[in-house]
N, C-alpha and C. Protein backbone atom coordinates (compact mmCIF):
# COMPACT_ATOMS: atom_id res chain seq x y z
N UNK A 1 242.02 -158.06 55.17
CA UNK A 1 240.72 -157.45 55.10
C UNK A 1 240.77 -156.25 54.18
N UNK A 2 239.65 -156.02 53.51
CA UNK A 2 239.58 -154.90 52.58
C UNK A 2 238.21 -154.22 52.67
N UNK A 3 238.21 -152.95 52.32
CA UNK A 3 236.99 -152.21 52.07
C UNK A 3 236.90 -152.06 50.56
N UNK A 4 235.74 -152.35 50.02
CA UNK A 4 235.51 -152.26 48.58
C UNK A 4 234.37 -151.27 48.37
N UNK A 5 234.57 -150.36 47.42
CA UNK A 5 233.55 -149.36 47.12
C UNK A 5 233.16 -149.45 45.65
N UNK A 6 231.89 -149.19 45.41
CA UNK A 6 231.38 -149.09 44.05
C UNK A 6 230.20 -148.16 44.06
N UNK A 7 229.80 -147.71 42.89
CA UNK A 7 228.55 -146.97 42.75
C UNK A 7 227.65 -147.73 41.80
N UNK A 8 226.37 -147.46 41.91
CA UNK A 8 225.39 -148.13 41.05
C UNK A 8 224.17 -147.25 40.92
N UNK A 9 223.25 -147.65 40.06
CA UNK A 9 221.98 -146.95 39.95
C UNK A 9 221.24 -147.12 41.28
N UNK A 10 220.54 -146.09 41.73
CA UNK A 10 219.87 -146.16 43.03
C UNK A 10 218.95 -147.36 43.20
N UNK A 11 218.26 -147.77 42.15
CA UNK A 11 217.33 -148.90 42.27
C UNK A 11 218.03 -150.26 42.29
N UNK A 12 219.34 -150.30 42.12
CA UNK A 12 220.09 -151.56 42.15
C UNK A 12 220.79 -151.82 43.48
N UNK A 13 220.94 -150.81 44.31
CA UNK A 13 221.78 -150.90 45.50
C UNK A 13 221.35 -152.02 46.45
N UNK A 14 220.09 -152.09 46.79
CA UNK A 14 219.59 -153.10 47.74
C UNK A 14 219.81 -154.51 47.19
N UNK A 15 219.49 -154.73 45.92
CA UNK A 15 219.65 -156.06 45.33
C UNK A 15 221.11 -156.48 45.31
N UNK A 16 222.00 -155.57 44.94
CA UNK A 16 223.43 -155.90 44.92
C UNK A 16 223.91 -156.26 46.32
N UNK A 17 223.59 -155.43 47.30
CA UNK A 17 224.02 -155.69 48.68
C UNK A 17 223.45 -157.00 49.20
N UNK A 18 222.16 -157.23 49.00
CA UNK A 18 221.53 -158.46 49.48
C UNK A 18 222.14 -159.70 48.83
N UNK A 19 222.40 -159.63 47.54
CA UNK A 19 222.99 -160.77 46.82
C UNK A 19 224.38 -161.09 47.36
N UNK A 20 225.21 -160.07 47.52
CA UNK A 20 226.58 -160.29 48.00
C UNK A 20 226.60 -160.80 49.44
N UNK A 21 225.67 -160.32 50.27
CA UNK A 21 225.56 -160.84 51.64
C UNK A 21 225.12 -162.30 51.62
N UNK A 22 224.12 -162.61 50.81
CA UNK A 22 223.63 -163.99 50.70
C UNK A 22 224.74 -164.94 50.23
N UNK A 23 225.55 -164.47 49.30
CA UNK A 23 226.65 -165.29 48.77
C UNK A 23 227.87 -165.28 49.69
N UNK A 24 227.80 -164.51 50.77
CA UNK A 24 228.85 -164.40 51.78
C UNK A 24 230.16 -163.85 51.21
N UNK A 25 230.05 -163.05 50.15
CA UNK A 25 231.22 -162.41 49.58
C UNK A 25 231.58 -161.14 50.35
N UNK A 26 230.63 -160.63 51.13
CA UNK A 26 230.88 -159.47 51.98
C UNK A 26 230.31 -159.74 53.37
N UNK A 27 230.86 -159.05 54.35
CA UNK A 27 230.35 -159.16 55.72
C UNK A 27 229.30 -158.09 55.98
N UNK A 28 229.45 -156.92 55.34
CA UNK A 28 228.49 -155.85 55.51
C UNK A 28 228.60 -154.87 54.36
N UNK A 29 227.55 -154.05 54.24
CA UNK A 29 227.51 -153.05 53.17
C UNK A 29 226.78 -151.82 53.67
N UNK A 30 227.42 -150.67 53.54
CA UNK A 30 226.74 -149.40 53.76
C UNK A 30 226.24 -148.93 52.41
N UNK A 31 224.99 -148.51 52.37
CA UNK A 31 224.43 -147.94 51.14
C UNK A 31 224.24 -146.45 51.38
N UNK A 32 224.95 -145.66 50.60
CA UNK A 32 224.83 -144.21 50.69
C UNK A 32 224.01 -143.75 49.49
N UNK A 33 222.71 -143.49 49.70
CA UNK A 33 221.85 -143.10 48.58
C UNK A 33 222.01 -141.62 48.25
N UNK A 34 221.46 -141.25 47.12
CA UNK A 34 221.37 -139.83 46.78
C UNK A 34 222.67 -139.14 46.45
N UNK A 35 223.61 -139.87 45.92
CA UNK A 35 224.89 -139.27 45.53
C UNK A 35 224.74 -138.68 44.13
N UNK A 36 225.18 -137.46 43.96
CA UNK A 36 225.20 -136.84 42.64
C UNK A 36 226.60 -136.98 42.08
N UNK A 37 226.69 -137.57 40.91
CA UNK A 37 227.98 -137.80 40.28
C UNK A 37 228.09 -136.97 39.01
N UNK A 38 229.21 -136.30 38.89
CA UNK A 38 229.56 -135.58 37.67
C UNK A 38 230.64 -136.42 37.00
N UNK A 39 230.42 -136.78 35.75
CA UNK A 39 231.33 -137.71 35.08
C UNK A 39 231.47 -137.34 33.60
N UNK A 40 232.65 -137.60 33.06
CA UNK A 40 232.83 -137.49 31.62
C UNK A 40 232.74 -138.90 31.08
N UNK A 41 231.77 -139.14 30.22
CA UNK A 41 231.55 -140.48 29.69
C UNK A 41 231.33 -140.38 28.18
N UNK A 42 232.19 -141.06 27.45
CA UNK A 42 232.13 -141.09 25.98
C UNK A 42 232.11 -139.67 25.40
N UNK A 43 232.99 -138.82 25.97
CA UNK A 43 233.17 -137.48 25.46
C UNK A 43 232.14 -136.46 25.92
N UNK A 44 231.22 -136.87 26.76
CA UNK A 44 230.16 -135.98 27.21
C UNK A 44 230.20 -135.82 28.72
N UNK A 45 229.99 -134.60 29.21
CA UNK A 45 229.91 -134.35 30.65
C UNK A 45 228.48 -134.61 31.10
N UNK A 46 228.33 -135.49 32.09
CA UNK A 46 227.01 -135.90 32.55
C UNK A 46 226.88 -135.68 34.05
N UNK A 47 225.64 -135.53 34.50
CA UNK A 47 225.31 -135.52 35.91
C UNK A 47 224.29 -136.61 36.13
N UNK A 48 224.54 -137.48 37.10
CA UNK A 48 223.59 -138.57 37.35
C UNK A 48 223.49 -138.86 38.84
N UNK A 49 222.36 -139.45 39.21
CA UNK A 49 222.12 -139.86 40.58
C UNK A 49 222.58 -141.30 40.75
N UNK A 50 223.31 -141.55 41.83
CA UNK A 50 223.83 -142.89 42.10
C UNK A 50 223.72 -143.20 43.59
N UNK A 51 223.94 -144.46 43.92
CA UNK A 51 224.14 -144.88 45.31
C UNK A 51 225.55 -145.42 45.41
N UNK A 52 226.20 -145.20 46.55
CA UNK A 52 227.53 -145.75 46.78
C UNK A 52 227.41 -146.92 47.75
N UNK A 53 228.10 -147.99 47.45
CA UNK A 53 228.17 -149.15 48.33
C UNK A 53 229.57 -149.22 48.93
N UNK A 54 229.64 -149.34 50.24
CA UNK A 54 230.92 -149.51 50.94
C UNK A 54 230.84 -150.84 51.67
N UNK A 55 231.70 -151.78 51.25
CA UNK A 55 231.60 -153.17 51.72
C UNK A 55 232.88 -153.62 52.40
N UNK A 56 232.76 -154.62 53.28
CA UNK A 56 233.92 -155.21 53.95
C UNK A 56 234.02 -156.68 53.56
N UNK A 57 235.25 -157.11 53.26
CA UNK A 57 235.46 -158.49 52.85
C UNK A 57 236.88 -158.93 53.17
N UNK A 58 237.14 -160.19 52.91
CA UNK A 58 238.49 -160.76 53.06
C UNK A 58 239.25 -160.59 51.75
N UNK A 59 240.56 -160.44 51.85
CA UNK A 59 241.39 -160.23 50.66
C UNK A 59 241.25 -161.38 49.65
N UNK A 60 241.10 -162.59 50.14
CA UNK A 60 241.04 -163.73 49.22
C UNK A 60 239.72 -163.79 48.45
N UNK A 61 238.75 -162.96 48.79
CA UNK A 61 237.47 -162.93 48.07
C UNK A 61 237.40 -161.79 47.05
N UNK A 62 238.44 -161.00 46.95
CA UNK A 62 238.38 -159.80 46.10
C UNK A 62 238.06 -160.10 44.64
N UNK A 63 238.68 -161.07 44.05
CA UNK A 63 238.44 -161.37 42.63
C UNK A 63 237.01 -161.84 42.40
N UNK A 64 236.50 -162.74 43.27
CA UNK A 64 235.11 -163.19 43.16
C UNK A 64 234.15 -162.03 43.35
N UNK A 65 234.44 -161.18 44.34
CA UNK A 65 233.58 -160.04 44.61
C UNK A 65 233.58 -159.07 43.42
N UNK A 66 234.74 -158.77 42.88
CA UNK A 66 234.81 -157.88 41.72
C UNK A 66 234.00 -158.45 40.56
N UNK A 67 234.15 -159.73 40.30
CA UNK A 67 233.41 -160.38 39.20
C UNK A 67 231.90 -160.24 39.42
N UNK A 68 231.43 -160.51 40.63
CA UNK A 68 229.99 -160.41 40.91
C UNK A 68 229.50 -158.97 40.83
N UNK A 69 230.30 -158.02 41.32
CA UNK A 69 229.89 -156.62 41.23
C UNK A 69 229.71 -156.20 39.78
N UNK A 70 230.59 -156.62 38.92
CA UNK A 70 230.49 -156.29 37.50
C UNK A 70 229.27 -156.96 36.88
N UNK A 71 228.97 -158.20 37.29
CA UNK A 71 227.79 -158.90 36.78
C UNK A 71 226.49 -158.25 37.24
N UNK A 72 226.44 -157.82 38.49
CA UNK A 72 225.20 -157.31 39.08
C UNK A 72 224.93 -155.84 38.75
N UNK A 73 225.95 -155.09 38.41
CA UNK A 73 225.83 -153.65 38.18
C UNK A 73 225.52 -153.41 36.71
N UNK A 74 224.53 -152.59 36.43
CA UNK A 74 224.15 -152.35 35.03
C UNK A 74 225.00 -151.28 34.35
N UNK A 75 225.88 -150.60 35.09
CA UNK A 75 226.77 -149.65 34.44
C UNK A 75 227.68 -150.40 33.47
N UNK A 76 227.95 -149.78 32.34
CA UNK A 76 228.81 -150.41 31.32
C UNK A 76 230.22 -150.66 31.86
N UNK A 77 230.74 -149.71 32.64
CA UNK A 77 232.06 -149.83 33.24
C UNK A 77 231.98 -149.46 34.72
N UNK A 78 231.51 -150.39 35.56
CA UNK A 78 231.39 -150.05 36.98
C UNK A 78 232.75 -149.92 37.65
N UNK A 79 232.81 -148.98 38.58
CA UNK A 79 234.01 -148.80 39.39
C UNK A 79 234.01 -149.84 40.51
N UNK A 80 235.15 -150.46 40.72
CA UNK A 80 235.35 -151.33 41.89
C UNK A 80 236.69 -150.90 42.49
N UNK A 81 236.62 -150.14 43.58
CA UNK A 81 237.82 -149.62 44.23
C UNK A 81 238.04 -150.36 45.54
N UNK A 82 239.28 -150.77 45.78
CA UNK A 82 239.61 -151.52 46.98
C UNK A 82 240.58 -150.72 47.84
N UNK A 83 240.26 -150.66 49.12
CA UNK A 83 241.11 -149.96 50.08
C UNK A 83 241.63 -150.96 51.10
N UNK A 84 242.92 -150.89 51.36
CA UNK A 84 243.52 -151.75 52.38
C UNK A 84 243.38 -151.07 53.74
N UNK A 85 242.96 -151.83 54.72
CA UNK A 85 242.89 -151.33 56.08
C UNK A 85 244.03 -151.98 56.85
N UNK A 86 244.88 -151.17 57.42
CA UNK A 86 246.07 -151.70 58.11
C UNK A 86 245.71 -152.44 59.40
N UNK A 87 244.72 -151.92 60.12
CA UNK A 87 244.34 -152.54 61.39
C UNK A 87 242.83 -152.54 61.56
N UNK A 88 242.32 -153.62 62.11
CA UNK A 88 240.92 -153.72 62.52
C UNK A 88 240.94 -154.09 64.00
N UNK A 89 239.95 -153.65 64.74
CA UNK A 89 239.89 -154.17 66.10
C UNK A 89 239.60 -155.67 66.03
N UNK A 90 240.13 -156.42 66.96
CA UNK A 90 240.14 -157.88 66.88
C UNK A 90 238.76 -158.49 66.73
N UNK A 91 237.79 -158.05 67.53
CA UNK A 91 236.46 -158.64 67.44
C UNK A 91 235.81 -158.37 66.09
N UNK A 92 236.01 -157.19 65.54
CA UNK A 92 235.46 -156.85 64.22
C UNK A 92 236.12 -157.72 63.15
N UNK A 93 237.42 -157.88 63.23
CA UNK A 93 238.18 -158.71 62.29
C UNK A 93 237.63 -160.14 62.30
N UNK A 94 237.44 -160.70 63.47
CA UNK A 94 236.91 -162.06 63.60
C UNK A 94 235.51 -162.14 63.01
N UNK A 95 234.69 -161.12 63.29
CA UNK A 95 233.33 -161.11 62.75
C UNK A 95 233.33 -161.10 61.21
N UNK A 96 234.20 -160.30 60.60
CA UNK A 96 234.28 -160.27 59.13
C UNK A 96 234.68 -161.65 58.60
N UNK A 97 235.66 -162.27 59.23
CA UNK A 97 236.08 -163.61 58.81
C UNK A 97 234.93 -164.61 58.90
N UNK A 98 234.23 -164.60 60.02
CA UNK A 98 233.12 -165.54 60.21
C UNK A 98 231.98 -165.26 59.23
N UNK A 99 231.72 -164.00 58.97
CA UNK A 99 230.60 -163.61 58.09
C UNK A 99 230.85 -163.96 56.63
N UNK A 100 232.10 -164.10 56.25
CA UNK A 100 232.42 -164.39 54.85
C UNK A 100 232.95 -165.82 54.67
N UNK A 101 232.89 -166.61 55.73
CA UNK A 101 233.31 -168.02 55.63
C UNK A 101 232.35 -168.74 54.67
N UNK A 102 232.86 -169.69 53.96
CA UNK A 102 232.06 -170.50 53.02
C UNK A 102 231.37 -169.63 51.98
N UNK A 103 232.12 -168.68 51.43
CA UNK A 103 231.56 -167.79 50.41
C UNK A 103 231.13 -168.60 49.19
N UNK A 104 230.03 -168.16 48.63
CA UNK A 104 229.51 -168.77 47.40
C UNK A 104 229.68 -167.74 46.29
N UNK A 105 229.49 -168.17 45.09
CA UNK A 105 229.52 -167.17 44.01
C UNK A 105 230.70 -167.33 43.12
C-alpha cells in the first residue's frame, strides 16, 4: 500500500480525484484546498495557489496512477510523490484492496 501526493490547480482537484476513483486507481483522496506554494520555476520565483491531493492505492497500481496523474494535471511538470506506509490496520488495508480491485486506466 502507498500514499501518493500531488498538487494541482484548484479547479482541477475534484475532476482528478473523481476520475481516479472512477478508474479504481485510488481508494480515496483527500483534497486540501487553498495551499500557497512558493516555487522556483524556469529561473523565476513564483507564488501560486494550489490544491494538494493525498491518495491511497496499491503498490502495483503506482505506474498507472502516475501516468494518469500526469495526463490529468495541467502543470508542465507535476509532482507525484509516493510514501510507503509500513503498517495499516487490517480492515483499512482490506478496504483499500477491495476499492482498487479491477482498476481501469
